[in-house]
Amino acid sequence: MLAAIATLKVKEGCEDDFLAVAKELVAAVNANEPGCQFYQIYKGDEPLTFVFIERYENQAATEAHRASDHFKTIGARMGPFMAGRPDVLRLQEA
């Protein structure tokens, strides 16, 4: 199993817009990626911080996620609301 924790900072005043688009991505991933076992967005403790928690069956499922049309198109729509690049921690089950 592989996992990822992606922490994203959003611009002040953009939280609701970001979250609406992020929830679209969550729905698309969960509906269209059988190799993704878990994909959810959370609001972080720090202001303006959101965290995606992801879990994949294998490397192929991770690559399929990154290559998917919904990840590219919906993910691009989140960009204007973000305050920089995401911080991604990639994990491999021990």
C-alpha atoms as a PDB file:
ATOM      1  CA  MET A   1       0.000   0.000   0.000  1.00  0.00           C
ATOM      2  CA  LEU A   2       1.038   3.539  -0.726  1.00  0.00           C
ATOM      3  CA  ALA A   3      -0.294   6.684   0.870  1.00  0.00           C
ATOM      4  CA  ALA A   4       0.106  10.407   0.579  1.00  0.00           C
ATOM      5  CA  ILE A   5      -0.644  13.337   2.818  1.00  0.00           C
ATOM      6  CA  ALA A   6      -0.866  16.596   0.882  1.00  0.00           C
ATOM      7  CA  THR A   7      -1.023  19.787   2.918  1.00  0.00           C
ATOM      8  CA  LEU A   8      -2.275  22.856   1.090  1.00  0.00           C
ATOM      9  CA  LYS A   9      -2.440  26.484   2.159  1.00  0.00           C
ATOM     10  CA  VAL A  10      -5.155  28.642   0.643  1.00  0.00           C
ATOM     11  CA  LYS A  11      -5.407  32.380   0.206  1.00  0.00           C
ATOM     12  CA  GLU A  12      -7.362  34.257   2.831  1.00  0.00           C
ATOM     13  CA  GLY A  13     -10.999  34.598   1.825  1.00  0.00           C
ATOM     14  CA  CYS A  14     -10.784  31.659  -0.597  1.00  0.00           C
ATOM     15  CA  GLU A  15     -11.500  28.823   1.825  1.00  0.00           C
ATOM     16  CA  ASP A  16     -15.084  28.150   0.750  1.00  0.00           C
ATOM     17  CA  ASP A  17     -14.286  28.328  -2.976  1.00  0.00           C
ATOM     18  CA  PHE A  18     -11.281  26.044  -2.550  1.00  0.00           C
ATOM     19  CA  LEU A  19     -13.227  23.546  -0.490  1.00  0.00           C
ATOM     20  CA  ALA A  20     -16.071  23.389  -3.016  1.00  0.00           C
ATOM     21  CA  VAL A  21     -13.641  22.476  -5.809  1.00  0.00           C
ATOM     22  CA  ALA A  22     -11.672  20.102  -3.562  1.00  0.00           C
ATOM     23  CA  LYS A  23     -14.875  18.220  -2.734  1.00  0.00           C
ATOM     24  CA  GLU A  24     -15.554  17.842  -6.468  1.00  0.00           C
ATOM     25  CA  LEU A  25     -12.131  16.239  -6.803  1.00  0.00           C
ATOM     26  CA  VAL A  26     -12.784  13.915  -3.862  1.00  0.00           C
ATOM     27  CA  ALA A  27     -16.061  12.785  -5.449  1.00  0.00           C
ATOM     28  CA  ALA A  28     -14.440  12.236  -8.857  1.00  0.00           C
ATOM     29  CA  VAL A  29     -11.524  10.255  -7.419  1.00  0.00           C
ATOM     30  CA  ASN A  30     -13.762   8.055  -5.285  1.00  0.00           C
ATOM     31  CA  ALA A  31     -16.144   7.405  -8.206  1.00  0.00           C
ATOM     32  CA  ASN A  32     -13.531   6.731 -10.894  1.00  0.00           C
ATOM     33  CA  GLU A  33     -10.372   5.285  -9.363  1.00  0.00           C
ATOM     34  CA  PRO A  34     -10.774   1.674  -8.230  1.00  0.00           C
ATOM     35  CA  GLY A  35      -7.102   1.536  -7.174  1.00  0.00           C
ATOM     36  CA  CYS A  36      -7.605   4.393  -4.735  1.00  0.00           C
ATOM     37  CA  GLN A  37      -8.765   2.959  -1.433  1.00  0.00           C
ATOM     38  CA  PHE A  38      -9.195   6.258   0.407  1.00  0.00           C
ATOM     39  CA  TYR A  39      -9.268   9.887  -0.693  1.00  0.00           C
ATOM     40  CA  GLN A  40     -10.592  12.648   1.547  1.00  0.00           C
ATOM     41  CA  ILE A  41     -10.086  16.339   2.272  1.00  0.00           C
ATOM     42  CA  TYR A  42      -9.796  17.677   5.815  1.00  0.00           C
ATOM     43  CA  LYS A  43      -9.516  21.128   7.292  1.00  0.00           C
ATOM     44  CA  GLY A  44      -6.255  21.491   9.205  1.00  0.00           C
ATOM     45  CA  ASP A  45      -5.760  22.971  12.669  1.00  0.00           C
ATOM     46  CA  GLU A  46      -3.819  25.904  11.247  1.00  0.00           C
ATOM     47  CA  PRO A  47      -5.841  28.661   9.590  1.00  0.00           C
ATOM     48  CA  LEU A  48      -6.124  28.450   5.809  1.00  0.00           C
ATOM     49  CA  THR A  49      -4.787  24.868   5.782  1.00  0.00           C
ATOM     50  CA  PHE A  50      -6.385  21.821   4.167  1.00  0.00           C
ATOM     51  CA  VAL A  51      -5.073  18.259   4.019  1.00  0.00           C
ATOM     52  CA  PHE A  52      -5.764  15.524   1.481  1.00  0.00           C
ATOM     53  CA  ILE A  53      -5.259  12.025   2.863  1.00  0.00           C
ATOM     54  CA  GLU A  54      -4.866   9.403   0.146  1.00  0.00           C
ATOM     55  CA  ARG A  55      -4.306   5.645   0.036  1.00  0.00           C
ATOM     56  CA  TYR A  56      -3.570   3.559  -3.061  1.00  0.00           C
ATOM     57  CA  GLU A  57      -3.277  -0.166  -3.752  1.00  0.00           C
ATOM     58  CA  ASN A  58       0.026   0.177  -5.597  1.00  0.00           C
ATOM     59  CA  GLN A  59       2.257   2.462  -7.652  1.00  0.00           C
ATOM     60  CA  ALA A  60       0.123   1.954 -10.762  1.00  0.00           C
ATOM     61  CA  ALA A  61      -2.935   3.281  -8.918  1.00  0.00           C
ATOM     62  CA  THR A  62      -0.945   6.310  -7.769  1.00  0.00           C
ATOM     63  CA  GLU A  63       0.187   6.997 -11.316  1.00  0.00           C
ATOM     64  CA  ALA A  64      -3.351   6.526 -12.638  1.00  0.00           C
ATOM     65  CA  HIS A  65      -4.532   9.141 -10.144  1.00  0.00           C
ATOM     66  CA  ARG A  66      -1.946  11.691 -11.236  1.00  0.00           C
ATOM     67  CA  ALA A  67      -2.683  11.020 -14.921  1.00  0.00           C
ATOM     68  CA  SER A  68      -6.480  11.164 -14.630  1.00  0.00           C
ATOM     69  CA  ASP A  69      -8.397  13.887 -16.451  1.00  0.00           C
ATOM     70  CA  HIS A  70     -10.331  14.775 -13.306  1.00  0.00           C
ATOM     71  CA  PHE A  71      -7.134  15.260 -11.291  1.00  0.00           C
ATOM     72  CA  LYS A  72      -5.689  17.512 -13.982  1.00  0.00           C
ATOM     73  CA  THR A  73      -8.802  19.571 -14.708  1.00  0.00           C
ATOM     74  CA  ILE A  74     -10.336  19.851 -11.241  1.00  0.00           C
ATOM     75  CA  GLY A  75      -6.913  20.172  -9.649  1.00  0.00           C
ATOM     76  CA  ALA A  76      -6.120  23.092 -11.961  1.00  0.00           C
ATOM     77  CA  ARG A  77      -9.304  24.816 -10.802  1.00  0.00           C
ATOM     78  CA  MET A  78      -8.012  24.737  -7.211  1.00  0.00           C
ATOM     79  CA  GLY A  79      -4.822  26.570  -8.208  1.00  0.00           C
ATOM     80  CA  PRO A  80      -6.131  30.153  -8.083  1.00  0.00           C
ATOM     81  CA  PHE A  81      -7.250  29.640  -4.476  1.00  0.00           C
ATOM     82  CA  MET A  82      -3.946  28.208  -3.267  1.00  0.00           C
ATOM     83  CA  ALA A  83      -1.155  30.151  -1.565  1.00  0.00           C
ATOM     84  CA  GLY A  84       1.740  28.165  -3.006  1.00  0.00           C
ATOM     85  CA  ARG A  85       2.524  24.609  -3.907  1.00  0.00           C
ATOM     86  CA  PRO A  86       1.254  21.718  -1.788  1.00  0.00           C
ATOM     87  CA  ASP A  87       3.564  19.971   0.647  1.00  0.00           C
ATOM     88  CA  VAL A  88       3.254  16.254  -0.144  1.00  0.00           C
ATOM     89  CA  LEU A  89       4.457  13.485   2.155  1.00  0.00           C
ATOM     90  CA  ARG A  90       4.553  10.135   0.332  1.00  0.00           C
ATOM     91  CA  LEU A  91       4.365   6.981   2.435  1.00  0.00           C
ATOM     92  CA  GLN A  92       4.875   3.275   1.858  1.00  0.00           C
ATOM     93  CA  GLU A  93       3.271   0.742   4.170  1.00  0.00           C
ATOM     94  CA  ALA A  94       5.854  -0.979   6.348  1.00  0.00           C
END
